PDB file of N, CA and C in Angstrom:
ATOM      1  N   UNK A   1       7.307  -8.790  17.326  1.00  0.00           N
ATOM      2  CA  UNK A   1       7.713  -9.305  15.956  1.00  0.00           C
ATOM      3  C   UNK A   1       7.676  -7.856  14.746  1.00  0.00           C
ATOM      4  N   UNK A   2       8.981  -7.597  14.621  1.00  0.00           N
ATOM      5  CA  UNK A   2       8.737  -6.853  13.796  1.00  0.00           C
ATOM      6  C   UNK A   2       8.294  -6.737  12.271  1.00  0.00           C
ATOM      7  N   UNK A   3       7.202  -5.246  12.226  1.00  0.00           N
ATOM      8  CA  UNK A   3       6.650  -4.952  11.081  1.00  0.00           C
ATOM      9  C   UNK A   3       7.415  -5.752   9.595  1.00  0.00           C
ATOM     10  N   UNK A   4       6.478  -5.948   8.870  1.00  0.00           N
ATOM     11  CA  UNK A   4       7.284  -6.218   7.584  1.00  0.00           C
ATOM     12  C   UNK A   4       7.575  -5.222   6.593  1.00  0.00           C
ATOM     13  N   UNK A   5       7.988  -4.817   6.180  1.00  0.00           N
ATOM     14  CA  UNK A   5       8.503  -3.350   5.112  1.00  0.00           C
ATOM     15  C   UNK A   5       8.709  -3.920   4.089  1.00  0.00           C
ATOM     16  N   UNK A   6       8.733  -4.776   3.273  1.00  0.00           N
ATOM     17  CA  UNK A   6       8.791  -5.558   2.143  1.00  0.00           C
ATOM     18  C   UNK A   6       7.819  -5.889   1.678  1.00  0.00           C
ATOM     19  N   UNK A   7       6.976  -5.962   0.049  1.00  0.00           N
ATOM     20  CA  UNK A   7       5.316  -7.055   0.337  1.00  0.00           C
ATOM     21  C   UNK A   7       6.098  -6.883  -1.005  1.00  0.00           C
ATOM     22  N   UNK A   8       5.120  -8.803  -1.704  1.00  0.00           N
ATOM     23  CA  UNK A   8       5.202  -8.827  -3.045  1.00  0.00           C
ATOM     24  C   UNK A   8       3.968  -8.642  -3.123  1.00  0.00           C
ATOM     25  N   UNK A   9       3.237  -8.286  -3.575  1.00  0.00           N
ATOM     26  CA  UNK A   9       1.501  -8.213  -3.876  1.00  0.00           C
ATOM     27  C   UNK A   9       1.521  -8.924  -5.210  1.00  0.00           C
ATOM     28  N   UNK A  10       0.092 -10.536  -4.772  1.00  0.00           N
ATOM     29  CA  UNK A  10       0.188 -10.835  -6.268  1.00  0.00           C
ATOM     30  C   UNK A  10      -1.248 -11.514  -6.436  1.00  0.00           C
ATOM     31  N   UNK A  11      -1.846 -10.857  -5.381  1.00  0.00           N
ATOM     32  CA  UNK A  11      -3.491 -10.856  -5.552  1.00  0.00           C
ATOM     33  C   UNK A  11      -4.520 -10.128  -5.782  1.00  0.00           C
ATOM     34  N   UNK A  12      -5.557 -10.407  -5.649  1.00  0.00           N
ATOM     35  CA  UNK A  12      -6.471  -9.300  -5.032  1.00  0.00           C
ATOM     36  C   UNK A  12      -6.925  -8.562  -4.223  1.00  0.00           C
ATOM     37  N   UNK A  13      -6.845  -9.600  -3.469  1.00  0.00           N
ATOM     38  CA  UNK A  13      -6.723  -9.599  -2.136  1.00  0.00           C
ATOM     39  C   UNK A  13      -6.387  -8.283  -1.447  1.00  0.00           C
ATOM     40  N   UNK A  14      -7.488  -7.824  -0.377  1.00  0.00           N
ATOM     41  CA  UNK A  14      -6.943  -6.522   0.481  1.00  0.00           C
ATOM     42  C   UNK A  14      -6.111  -6.920   0.898  1.00  0.00           C
ATOM     43  N   UNK A  15      -4.724  -6.880   1.659  1.00  0.00           N
ATOM     44  CA  UNK A  15      -3.801  -6.934   2.333  1.00  0.00           C
ATOM     45  C   UNK A  15      -3.072  -5.358   3.435  1.00  0.00           C
ATOM     46  N   UNK A  16      -3.298  -6.336   4.407  1.00  0.00           N
ATOM     47  CA  UNK A  16      -2.480  -5.244   5.025  1.00  0.00           C
ATOM     48  C   UNK A  16      -0.947  -5.198   5.006  1.00  0.00           C
ATOM     49  N   UNK A  17      -0.396  -4.292   4.730  1.00  0.00           N
ATOM     50  CA  UNK A  17       1.253  -3.317   4.531  1.00  0.00           C
ATOM     51  C   UNK A  17       1.149  -3.288   6.313  1.00  0.00           C
ATOM     52  N   UNK A  18       1.160  -3.030   7.137  1.00  0.00           N
ATOM     53  CA  UNK A  18       1.335  -2.715   8.620  1.00  0.00           C
ATOM     54  C   UNK A  18      -0.221  -2.852   9.479  1.00  0.00           C
ATOM     55  N   UNK A  19      -0.099  -3.978  10.319  1.00  0.00           N
ATOM     56  CA  UNK A  19      -0.923  -3.936  11.190  1.00  0.00           C
ATOM     57  C   UNK A  19      -1.120  -2.715  12.283  1.00  0.00           C
ATOM     58  N   UNK A  20      -2.354  -2.391  12.822  1.00  0.00           N
ATOM     59  CA  UNK A  20      -1.940  -1.588  13.886  1.00  0.00           C
ATOM     60  C   UNK A  20      -1.567  -2.475  14.862  1.00  0.00           C
ATOM     61  N   UNK A  21      -0.440  -1.503  15.963  1.00  0.00           N
ATOM     62  CA  UNK A  21       0.662  -1.741  16.818  1.00  0.00           C
ATOM     63  C   UNK A  21       1.452  -2.384  16.689  1.00  0.00           C
ATOM     64  N   UNK A  22       2.001  -1.953  15.317  1.00  0.00           N
ATOM     65  CA  UNK A  22       3.023  -2.913  14.324  1.00  0.00           C
ATOM     66  C   UNK A  22       4.514  -1.817  14.909  1.00  0.00           C
ATOM     67  N   UNK A  23       3.715  -0.424  15.220  1.00  0.00           N
ATOM     68  CA  UNK A  23       4.654   0.872  15.577  1.00  0.00           C
ATOM     69  C   UNK A  23       5.313   1.644  14.727  1.00  0.00           C
ATOM     70  N   UNK A  24       5.466   1.708  13.031  1.00  0.00           N
ATOM     71  CA  UNK A  24       6.204   2.418  12.491  1.00  0.00           C
ATOM     72  C   UNK A  24       5.851   3.388  12.217  1.00  0.00           C
ATOM     73  N   UNK A  25       6.820   4.438  12.361  1.00  0.00           N
ATOM     74  CA  UNK A  25       6.285   5.909  12.714  1.00  0.00           C
ATOM     75  C   UNK A  25       7.854   6.651  12.190  1.00  0.00           C
ATOM     76  N   UNK A  26       7.045   7.529  11.709  1.00  0.00           N
ATOM     77  CA  UNK A  26       8.111   8.312  11.093  1.00  0.00           C
ATOM     78  C   UNK A  26       8.081   7.418   8.834  1.00  0.00           C
ATOM     79  N   UNK A  27       7.104   7.546   9.052  1.00  0.00           N
ATOM     80  CA  UNK A  27       7.226   6.909   7.623  1.00  0.00           C
ATOM     81  C   UNK A  27       8.026   7.992   6.418  1.00  0.00           C
ATOM     82  N   UNK A  28       9.328   7.266   5.731  1.00  0.00           N
ATOM     83  CA  UNK A  28       9.835   8.175   4.603  1.00  0.00           C
ATOM     84  C   UNK A  28       9.513   8.330   3.239  1.00  0.00           C
ATOM     85  N   UNK A  29       9.354   7.186   2.819  1.00  0.00           N
ATOM     86  CA  UNK A  29       8.346   7.048   1.338  1.00  0.00           C
ATOM     87  C   UNK A  29       7.945   5.623   1.233  1.00  0.00           C
ATOM     88  N   UNK A  30       6.747   5.454   0.642  1.00  0.00           N
ATOM     89  CA  UNK A  30       6.490   4.296   0.777  1.00  0.00           C
ATOM     90  C   UNK A  30       6.592   3.860  -2.035  1.00  0.00           C
ATOM     91  N   UNK A  31       7.023   3.580  -1.165  1.00  0.00           N
ATOM     92  CA  UNK A  31       7.214   3.009  -3.086  1.00  0.00           C
ATOM     93  C   UNK A  31       6.448   1.895  -3.694  1.00  0.00           C
ATOM     94  N   UNK A  32       5.595   2.253  -4.831  1.00  0.00           N
ATOM     95  CA  UNK A  32       5.175   1.110  -5.305  1.00  0.00           C
ATOM     96  C   UNK A  32       4.948   0.524  -6.890  1.00  0.00           C
ATOM     97  N   UNK A  33       5.872  -0.321  -7.071  1.00  0.00           N
ATOM     98  CA  UNK A  33       6.555  -0.916  -8.334  1.00  0.00           C
ATOM     99  C   UNK A  33       5.646  -1.991  -8.906  1.00  0.00           C
ATOM    100  N   UNK A  34       5.351  -1.050 -10.076  1.00  0.00           N
ATOM    101  CA  UNK A  34       4.334  -2.276 -10.722  1.00  0.00           C
ATOM    102  C   UNK A  34       5.573  -3.305 -11.718  1.00  0.00           C
ATOM    103  N   UNK A  35       5.700  -4.385 -11.509  1.00  0.00           N
ATOM    104  CA  UNK A  35       6.404  -5.400 -12.259  1.00  0.00           C
ATOM    105  C   UNK A  35       5.586  -6.183 -12.820  1.00  0.00           C
ATOM    106  N   UNK A  36       4.809  -6.162 -12.865  1.00  0.00           N
ATOM    107  CA  UNK A  36       4.039  -6.959 -14.192  1.00  0.00           C
ATOM    108  C   UNK A  36       4.527  -7.149 -15.373  1.00  0.00           C
ATOM    109  N   UNK A  37       5.138  -7.595 -16.164  1.00  0.00           N
ATOM    110  CA  UNK A  37       5.299  -7.401 -17.879  1.00  0.00           C
ATOM    111  C   UNK A  37       4.315  -7.018 -18.876  1.00  0.00           C
ATOM    112  N   UNK A  38       3.161  -6.609 -18.231  1.00  0.00           N
ATOM    113  CA  UNK A  38       2.169  -6.450 -19.533  1.00  0.00           C
ATOM    114  C   UNK A  38       0.754  -5.869 -18.753  1.00  0.00           C
ATOM    115  N   UNK A  39       0.483  -5.845 -17.656  1.00  0.00           N
ATOM    116  CA  UNK A  39      -0.618  -5.231 -17.512  1.00  0.00           C
ATOM    117  C   UNK A  39      -0.497  -4.339 -16.170  1.00  0.00           C
ATOM    118  N   UNK A  40      -1.133  -3.019 -16.024  1.00  0.00           N
ATOM    119  CA  UNK A  40      -1.235  -1.284 -15.313  1.00  0.00           C
ATOM    120  C   UNK A  40      -2.086  -2.675 -14.180  1.00  0.00           C
ATOM    121  N   UNK A  41      -1.637  -1.680 -12.853  1.00  0.00           N
ATOM    122  CA  UNK A  41      -2.272  -1.790 -11.631  1.00  0.00           C
ATOM    123  C   UNK A  41      -2.763  -0.715 -10.797  1.00  0.00           C
ATOM    124  N   UNK A  42      -3.977  -1.409 -11.217  1.00  0.00           N
ATOM    125  CA  UNK A  42      -5.024  -0.408 -10.256  1.00  0.00           C
ATOM    126  C   UNK A  42      -5.122  -0.634  -8.659  1.00  0.00           C
ATOM    127  N   UNK A  43      -4.898   0.129  -7.493  1.00  0.00           N
ATOM    128  CA  UNK A  43      -4.153   1.139  -6.494  1.00  0.00           C
ATOM    129  C   UNK A  43      -5.003   1.890  -5.208  1.00  0.00           C
ATOM    130  N   UNK A  44      -5.537   0.346  -4.763  1.00  0.00           N
ATOM    131  CA  UNK A  44      -6.207   1.649  -4.191  1.00  0.00           C
ATOM    132  C   UNK A  44      -5.147   1.023  -2.593  1.00  0.00           C
ATOM    133  N   UNK A  45      -4.768   2.670  -1.788  1.00  0.00           N
ATOM    134  CA  UNK A  45      -4.226   2.420  -0.534  1.00  0.00           C
ATOM    135  C   UNK A  45      -4.377   2.849   0.410  1.00  0.00           C
ATOM    136  N   UNK A  46      -5.210   2.689   1.797  1.00  0.00           N
ATOM    137  CA  UNK A  46      -5.696   3.034   2.541  1.00  0.00           C
ATOM    138  C   UNK A  46      -5.374   2.849   4.191  1.00  0.00           C
ATOM    139  N   UNK A  47      -5.771   3.854   5.040  1.00  0.00           N
ATOM    140  CA  UNK A  47      -5.648   3.331   5.981  1.00  0.00           C
ATOM    141  C   UNK A  47      -7.173   3.197   6.492  1.00  0.00           C
ATOM    142  N   UNK A  48      -6.427   2.096   7.405  1.00  0.00           N
ATOM    143  CA  UNK A  48      -8.055   1.074   8.168  1.00  0.00           C
ATOM    144  C   UNK A  48      -7.846   1.245   9.347  1.00  0.00           C
ATOM    145  N   UNK A  49      -9.513   1.699  10.260  1.00  0.00           N
ATOM    146  CA  UNK A  49      -9.650   1.669  11.691  1.00  0.00           C
ATOM    147  C   UNK A  49     -11.095   1.092  12.038  1.00  0.00           C
ATOM    148  N   UNK A  50     -11.238  -0.019  12.073  1.00  0.00           N
ATOM    149  CA  UNK A  50     -12.008  -0.877  12.443  1.00  0.00           C
ATOM    150  C   UNK A  50     -13.006  -0.946  11.086  1.00  0.00           C
ATOM    151  N   UNK A  51     -14.342  -0.284  10.986  1.00  0.00           N
ATOM    152  CA  UNK A  51     -15.023  -0.374   9.535  1.00  0.00           C
ATOM    153  C   UNK A  51     -14.732   1.210   8.868  1.00  0.00           C
ATOM    154  N   UNK A  52     -14.041   1.892   9.562  1.00  0.00           N
ATOM    155  CA  UNK A  52     -13.645   3.142   8.019  1.00  0.00           C
ATOM    156  C   UNK A  52     -11.947   3.078   7.796  1.00  0.00           C
ATOM    157  N   UNK A  53     -12.146   2.966   6.548  1.00  0.00           N
ATOM    158  CA  UNK A  53     -11.300   3.386   5.410  1.00  0.00           C
ATOM    159  C   UNK A  53     -11.259   4.828   5.641  1.00  0.00           C
ATOM    160  N   UNK A  54      -9.970   5.091   5.215  1.00  0.00           N
ATOM    161  CA  UNK A  54      -9.224   6.701   4.539  1.00  0.00           C
ATOM    162  C   UNK A  54      -8.538   6.011   3.948  1.00  0.00           C
ATOM    163  N   UNK A  55      -8.474   6.994   2.427  1.00  0.00           N
ATOM    164  CA  UNK A  55      -7.616   6.474   0.960  1.00  0.00           C
ATOM    165  C   UNK A  55      -6.876   7.771   0.499  1.00  0.00           C
ATOM    166  N   UNK A  56      -6.036   6.756   1.222  1.00  0.00           N
ATOM    167  CA  UNK A  56      -4.489   8.155  -0.008  1.00  0.00           C
ATOM    168  C   UNK A  56      -4.258   7.313  -1.098  1.00  0.00           C
ATOM    169  N   UNK A  57      -4.791   6.628  -1.593  1.00  0.00           N
ATOM    170  CA  UNK A  57      -4.689   6.184  -3.146  1.00  0.00           C
ATOM    171  C   UNK A  57      -6.144   5.958  -3.413  1.00  0.00           C
ATOM    172  N   UNK A  58      -7.163   6.037  -4.876  1.00  0.00           N
ATOM    173  CA  UNK A  58      -7.754   5.107  -5.083  1.00  0.00           C
ATOM    174  C   UNK A  58      -8.023   4.886  -6.160  1.00  0.00           C
ATOM    175  N   UNK A  59      -7.699   4.449  -7.238  1.00  0.00           N
ATOM    176  CA  UNK A  59      -8.002   3.777  -8.094  1.00  0.00           C
ATOM    177  C   UNK A  59      -6.803   4.735  -9.008  1.00  0.00           C
ATOM    178  N   UNK A  60      -5.763   4.535  -8.379  1.00  0.00           N
ATOM    179  CA  UNK A  60      -4.531   5.135  -8.999  1.00  0.00           C
ATOM    180  C   UNK A  60      -3.789   4.286 -10.465  1.00  0.00           C
ATOM    181  N   UNK A  61      -3.510   4.453 -11.192  1.00  0.00           N
ATOM    182  CA  UNK A  61      -2.930   3.673 -12.449  1.00  0.00           C
ATOM    183  C   UNK A  61      -1.833   3.746 -12.870  1.00  0.00           C
ATOM    184  N   UNK A  62      -1.112   2.508 -12.015  1.00  0.00           N
ATOM    185  CA  UNK A  62       0.540   2.684 -12.664  1.00  0.00           C
ATOM    186  C   UNK A  62       0.452   1.896 -13.540  1.00  0.00           C
ATOM    187  N   UNK A  63       1.292   2.449 -14.782  1.00  0.00           N
ATOM    188  CA  UNK A  63       1.772   2.032 -15.463  1.00  0.00           C
ATOM    189  C   UNK A  63       2.410   0.811 -15.147  1.00  0.00           C
ATOM    190  N   UNK A  64       2.449  -0.827 -16.397  1.00  0.00           N
ATOM    191  CA  UNK A  64       3.307  -1.576 -15.988  1.00  0.00           C
ATOM    192  C   UNK A  64       5.263  -1.417 -16.312  1.00  0.00           C
ATOM    193  N   UNK A  65       5.451  -2.204 -15.624  1.00  0.00           N
ATOM    194  CA  UNK A  65       7.037  -1.406 -15.370  1.00  0.00           C
ATOM    195  C   UNK A  65       7.069  -0.355 -15.368  1.00  0.00           C
ATOM    196  N   UNK A  66       6.232   0.563 -14.373  1.00  0.00           N
ATOM    197  CA  UNK A  66       6.165   2.507 -13.609  1.00  0.00           C
ATOM    198  C   UNK A  66       6.675   1.776 -12.243  1.00  0.00           C
ATOM    199  N   UNK A  67       7.065   2.735 -11.779  1.00  0.00           N
ATOM    200  CA  UNK A  67       7.003   3.066  -9.697  1.00  0.00           C
ATOM    201  C   UNK A  67       6.313   4.476 -10.161  1.00  0.00           C
ATOM    202  N   UNK A  68       5.491   3.636  -8.419  1.00  0.00           N
ATOM    203  CA  UNK A  68       5.222   5.580  -7.857  1.00  0.00           C
ATOM    204  C   UNK A  68       5.954   6.057  -6.530  1.00  0.00           C
ATOM    205  N   UNK A  69       6.675   6.711  -6.234  1.00  0.00           N
ATOM    206  CA  UNK A  69       6.886   7.125  -4.522  1.00  0.00           C
ATOM    207  C   UNK A  69       6.260   8.213  -3.692  1.00  0.00           C
ATOM    208  N   UNK A  70       5.579   7.710  -2.768  1.00  0.00           N
ATOM    209  CA  UNK A  70       4.687   8.523  -2.007  1.00  0.00           C
ATOM    210  C   UNK A  70       5.690   8.952  -0.761  1.00  0.00           C
ATOM    211  N   UNK A  71       5.678  10.578  -0.399  1.00  0.00           N
ATOM    212  CA  UNK A  71       6.457  11.082   0.797  1.00  0.00           C
ATOM    213  C   UNK A  71       5.316  11.807   1.779  1.00  0.00           C
ATOM    214  N   UNK A  72       5.637  11.852   2.783  1.00  0.00           N
ATOM    215  CA  UNK A  72       5.546  12.685   3.643  1.00  0.00           C
ATOM    216  C   UNK A  72       3.761  13.232   2.816  1.00  0.00           C
ATOM    217  N   UNK A  73       4.357  14.325   2.269  1.00  0.00           N
ATOM    218  CA  UNK A  73       3.459  15.161   2.334  1.00  0.00           C
ATOM    219  C   UNK A  73       1.965  14.656   1.303  1.00  0.00           C
ATOM    220  N   UNK A  74       2.264  13.338   0.495  1.00  0.00           N
ATOM    221  CA  UNK A  74       1.062  12.403   0.136  1.00  0.00           C
ATOM    222  C   UNK A  74       0.281  12.041   1.251  1.00  0.00           C
ATOM    223  N   UNK A  75       0.320  12.474   2.398  1.00  0.00           N
ATOM    224  CA  UNK A  75      -0.763  11.484   3.424  1.00  0.00           C
ATOM    225  C   UNK A  75      -0.314  10.334   3.707  1.00  0.00           C
ATOM    226  N   UNK A  76       0.900  10.176   3.906  1.00  0.00           N
ATOM    227  CA  UNK A  76       1.314   8.764   4.113  1.00  0.00           C
ATOM    228  C   UNK A  76       1.820   8.185   5.347  1.00  0.00           C
ATOM    229  N   UNK A  77       2.367  10.077   6.848  1.00  0.00           N
ATOM    230  CA  UNK A  77       2.036   9.381   7.937  1.00  0.00           C
ATOM    231  C   UNK A  77       0.978   9.384   8.388  1.00  0.00           C
ATOM    232  N   UNK A  78       0.642   8.720  10.143  1.00  0.00           N
ATOM    233  CA  UNK A  78      -0.398   8.404  10.333  1.00  0.00           C
ATOM    234  C   UNK A  78       0.187   7.633  11.959  1.00  0.00           C
ATOM    235  N   UNK A  79      -0.946   7.909  12.893  1.00  0.00           N
ATOM    236  CA  UNK A  79      -0.757   7.017  14.193  1.00  0.00           C
ATOM    237  C   UNK A  79      -0.721   5.457  13.748  1.00  0.00           C
ATOM    238  N   UNK A  80       0.314   4.486  14.157  1.00  0.00           N
ATOM    239  CA  UNK A  80       0.426   3.214  13.900  1.00  0.00           C
ATOM    240  C   UNK A  80       0.790   2.153  15.219  1.00  0.00           C
ATOM    241  N   UNK A  81      -0.038   2.780  16.255  1.00  0.00           N
ATOM    242  CA  UNK A  81       0.348   2.262  17.195  1.00  0.00           C
ATOM    243  C   UNK A  81      -1.506   1.831  17.494  1.00  0.00           C
ATOM    244  N   UNK A  82      -1.249   0.946  18.604  1.00  0.00           N
ATOM    245  CA  UNK A  82      -2.020  -0.392  18.747  1.00  0.00           C
ATOM    246  C   UNK A  82      -3.977  -0.254  18.786  1.00  0.00           C
ATOM    247  N   UNK A  83      -3.789   1.757  19.102  1.00  0.00           N
ATOM    248  CA  UNK A  83      -5.077   1.665  19.305  1.00  0.00           C
ATOM    249  C   UNK A  83      -5.394   3.030  17.397  1.00  0.00           C
ATOM    250  N   UNK A  84      -4.412   2.598  16.741  1.00  0.00           N
ATOM    251  CA  UNK A  84      -4.431   3.465  15.884  1.00  0.00           C
ATOM    252  C   UNK A  84      -4.559   3.018  14.323  1.00  0.00           C
ATOM    253  N   UNK A  85      -4.170   2.764  13.138  1.00  0.00           N
ATOM    254  CA  UNK A  85      -4.598   2.505  12.001  1.00  0.00           C
ATOM    255  C   UNK A  85      -3.509   1.182  11.798  1.00  0.00           C
ATOM    256  N   UNK A  86      -4.000   0.349  10.727  1.00  0.00           N
ATOM    257  CA  UNK A  86      -2.947  -0.242   9.850  1.00  0.00           C
ATOM    258  C   UNK A  86      -3.028   0.372   8.643  1.00  0.00           C
ATOM    259  N   UNK A  87      -2.583   0.336   7.869  1.00  0.00           N
ATOM    260  CA  UNK A  87      -2.224   0.227   6.102  1.00  0.00           C
ATOM    261  C   UNK A  87      -3.035  -1.055   5.238  1.00  0.00           C
ATOM    262  N   UNK A  88      -3.327  -0.865   4.202  1.00  0.00           N
ATOM    263  CA  UNK A  88      -3.888  -1.499   3.415  1.00  0.00           C
ATOM    264  C   UNK A  88      -3.813  -1.707   2.109  1.00  0.00           C
ATOM    265  N   UNK A  89      -3.560  -2.688   1.557  1.00  0.00           N
ATOM    266  CA  UNK A  89      -3.945  -2.258  -0.422  1.00  0.00           C
ATOM    267  C   UNK A  89      -4.441  -3.321  -0.819  1.00  0.00           C
ATOM    268  N   UNK A  90      -5.275  -2.694  -1.716  1.00  0.00           N
ATOM    269  CA  UNK A  90      -5.595  -3.646  -2.978  1.00  0.00           C
ATOM    270  C   UNK A  90      -5.401  -3.569  -4.282  1.00  0.00           C
ATOM    271  N   UNK A  91      -5.016  -4.081  -4.900  1.00  0.00           N
ATOM    272  CA  UNK A  91      -4.314  -3.786  -6.083  1.00  0.00           C
ATOM    273  C   UNK A  91      -5.070  -5.058  -7.391  1.00  0.00           C
ATOM    274  N   UNK A  92      -5.076  -4.672  -8.696  1.00  0.00           N
ATOM    275  CA  UNK A  92      -6.094  -5.574  -9.478  1.00  0.00           C
ATOM    276  C   UNK A  92      -5.613  -4.862 -10.687  1.00  0.00           C
ATOM    277  N   UNK A  93      -5.973  -4.897 -11.893  1.00  0.00           N
ATOM    278  CA  UNK A  93      -5.594  -4.554 -13.336  1.00  0.00           C
ATOM    279  C   UNK A  93      -7.129  -4.051 -13.820  1.00  0.00           C
ATOM    280  N   UNK A  94      -7.911  -3.844 -12.971  1.00  0.00           N
ATOM    281  CA  UNK A  94      -9.008  -2.600 -13.349  1.00  0.00           C
ATOM    282  C   UNK A  94      -9.901  -3.434 -14.161  1.00  0.00           C
ATOM    283  N   UNK A  95      -9.570  -4.947 -14.348  1.00  0.00           N
ATOM    284  CA  UNK A  95     -11.169  -5.863 -14.647  1.00  0.00           C
ATOM    285  C   UNK A  95     -11.213  -6.739 -13.786  1.00  0.00           C
ATOM    286  N   UNK A  96     -10.161  -7.105 -12.730  1.00  0.00           N
ATOM    287  CA  UNK A  96     -10.542  -8.116 -11.446  1.00  0.00           C
ATOM    288  C   UNK A  96      -9.938  -9.062 -11.344  1.00  0.00           C
ATOM    289  N   UNK A  97      -8.429  -8.951 -12.524  1.00  0.00           N
ATOM    290  CA  UNK A  97      -7.156  -9.511 -12.486  1.00  0.00           C
ATOM    291  C   UNK A  97      -5.891  -9.248 -11.925  1.00  0.00           C
ATOM    292  N   UNK A  98      -5.153  -9.868 -10.641  1.00  0.00           N
ATOM    293  CA  UNK A  98      -4.455 -10.151 -10.500  1.00  0.00           C
ATOM    294  C   UNK A  98      -2.942  -8.809 -11.128  1.00  0.00           C
ATOM    295  N   UNK A  99      -2.262  -8.400 -11.135  1.00  0.00           N
ATOM    296  CA  UNK A  99      -1.145  -7.432 -10.920  1.00  0.00           C
ATOM    297  C   UNK A  99      -0.286  -7.516 -10.107  1.00  0.00           C
ATOM    298  N   UNK A 100       1.185  -8.169 -10.434  1.00  0.00           N
ATOM    299  CA  UNK A 100       2.017  -8.132  -9.140  1.00  0.00           C
ATOM    300  C   UNK A 100       2.524  -6.242  -8.942  1.00  0.00           C
ATOM    301  N   UNK A 101       2.724  -5.495  -7.859  1.00  0.00           N
ATOM    302  CA  UNK A 101       3.120  -5.082  -7.551  1.00  0.00           C
ATOM    303  C   UNK A 101       4.359  -5.159  -5.973  1.00  0.00           C
ATOM    304  N   UNK A 102       5.357  -4.545  -6.280  1.00  0.00           N
ATOM    305  CA  UNK A 102       6.344  -4.930  -4.769  1.00  0.00           C
ATOM    306  C   UNK A 102       5.998  -3.247  -4.155  1.00  0.00           C
ATOM    307  N   UNK A 103       5.966  -3.462  -2.695  1.00  0.00           N
ATOM    308  CA  UNK A 103       5.465  -1.851  -1.952  1.00  0.00           C
ATOM    309  C   UNK A 103       6.624  -2.282  -1.028  1.00  0.00           C
ATOM    310  N   UNK A 104       7.698  -1.282  -1.023  1.00  0.00           N
ATOM    311  CA  UNK A 104       8.539  -0.758  -0.211  1.00  0.00           C
ATOM    312  C   UNK A 104       8.205   0.374   0.505  1.00  0.00           C
ATOM    313  N   UNK A 105       8.220   0.363   2.228  1.00  0.00           N
ATOM    314  CA  UNK A 105       7.829   0.851   2.871  1.00  0.00           C
ATOM    315  C   UNK A 105       9.481   1.827   3.872  1.00  0.00           C
ATOM    316  N   UNK A 106       9.973   2.644   3.782  1.00  0.00           N
ATOM    317  CA  UNK A 106      11.016   3.684   4.146  1.00  0.00           C
ATOM    318  C   UNK A 106      10.729   4.005   5.447  1.00  0.00           C
ATOM    319  N   UNK A 107      11.327   3.627   6.553  1.00  0.00           N
ATOM    320  CA  UNK A 107      10.793   4.683   8.325  1.00  0.00           C
ATOM    321  C   UNK A 107      12.095   4.706   8.527  1.00  0.00           C
TER     322      UNK A 107
END
């Protein structure tokens, strides 16, 4: 099954954007668009393997109706093979409530 490269995040639960084994390589960019009409989004974007997390972004605020674009020099390239890492995201409004964010991974 092919990896999903577009995601609508509407919950505060941690979500896998890419599972280990999706074999998405050569990521050119990751776009995070805060599509919420009134709330800023506080974003954690991280790599995971087992019990270990490695943060690309930690508690980064994206103002409502704004977009953040990450490129390879921002540390978004990683081993996504079955023995590699998954890519995860957690988003809230800084107070624990959900904030809508769209994510597009371009490879």
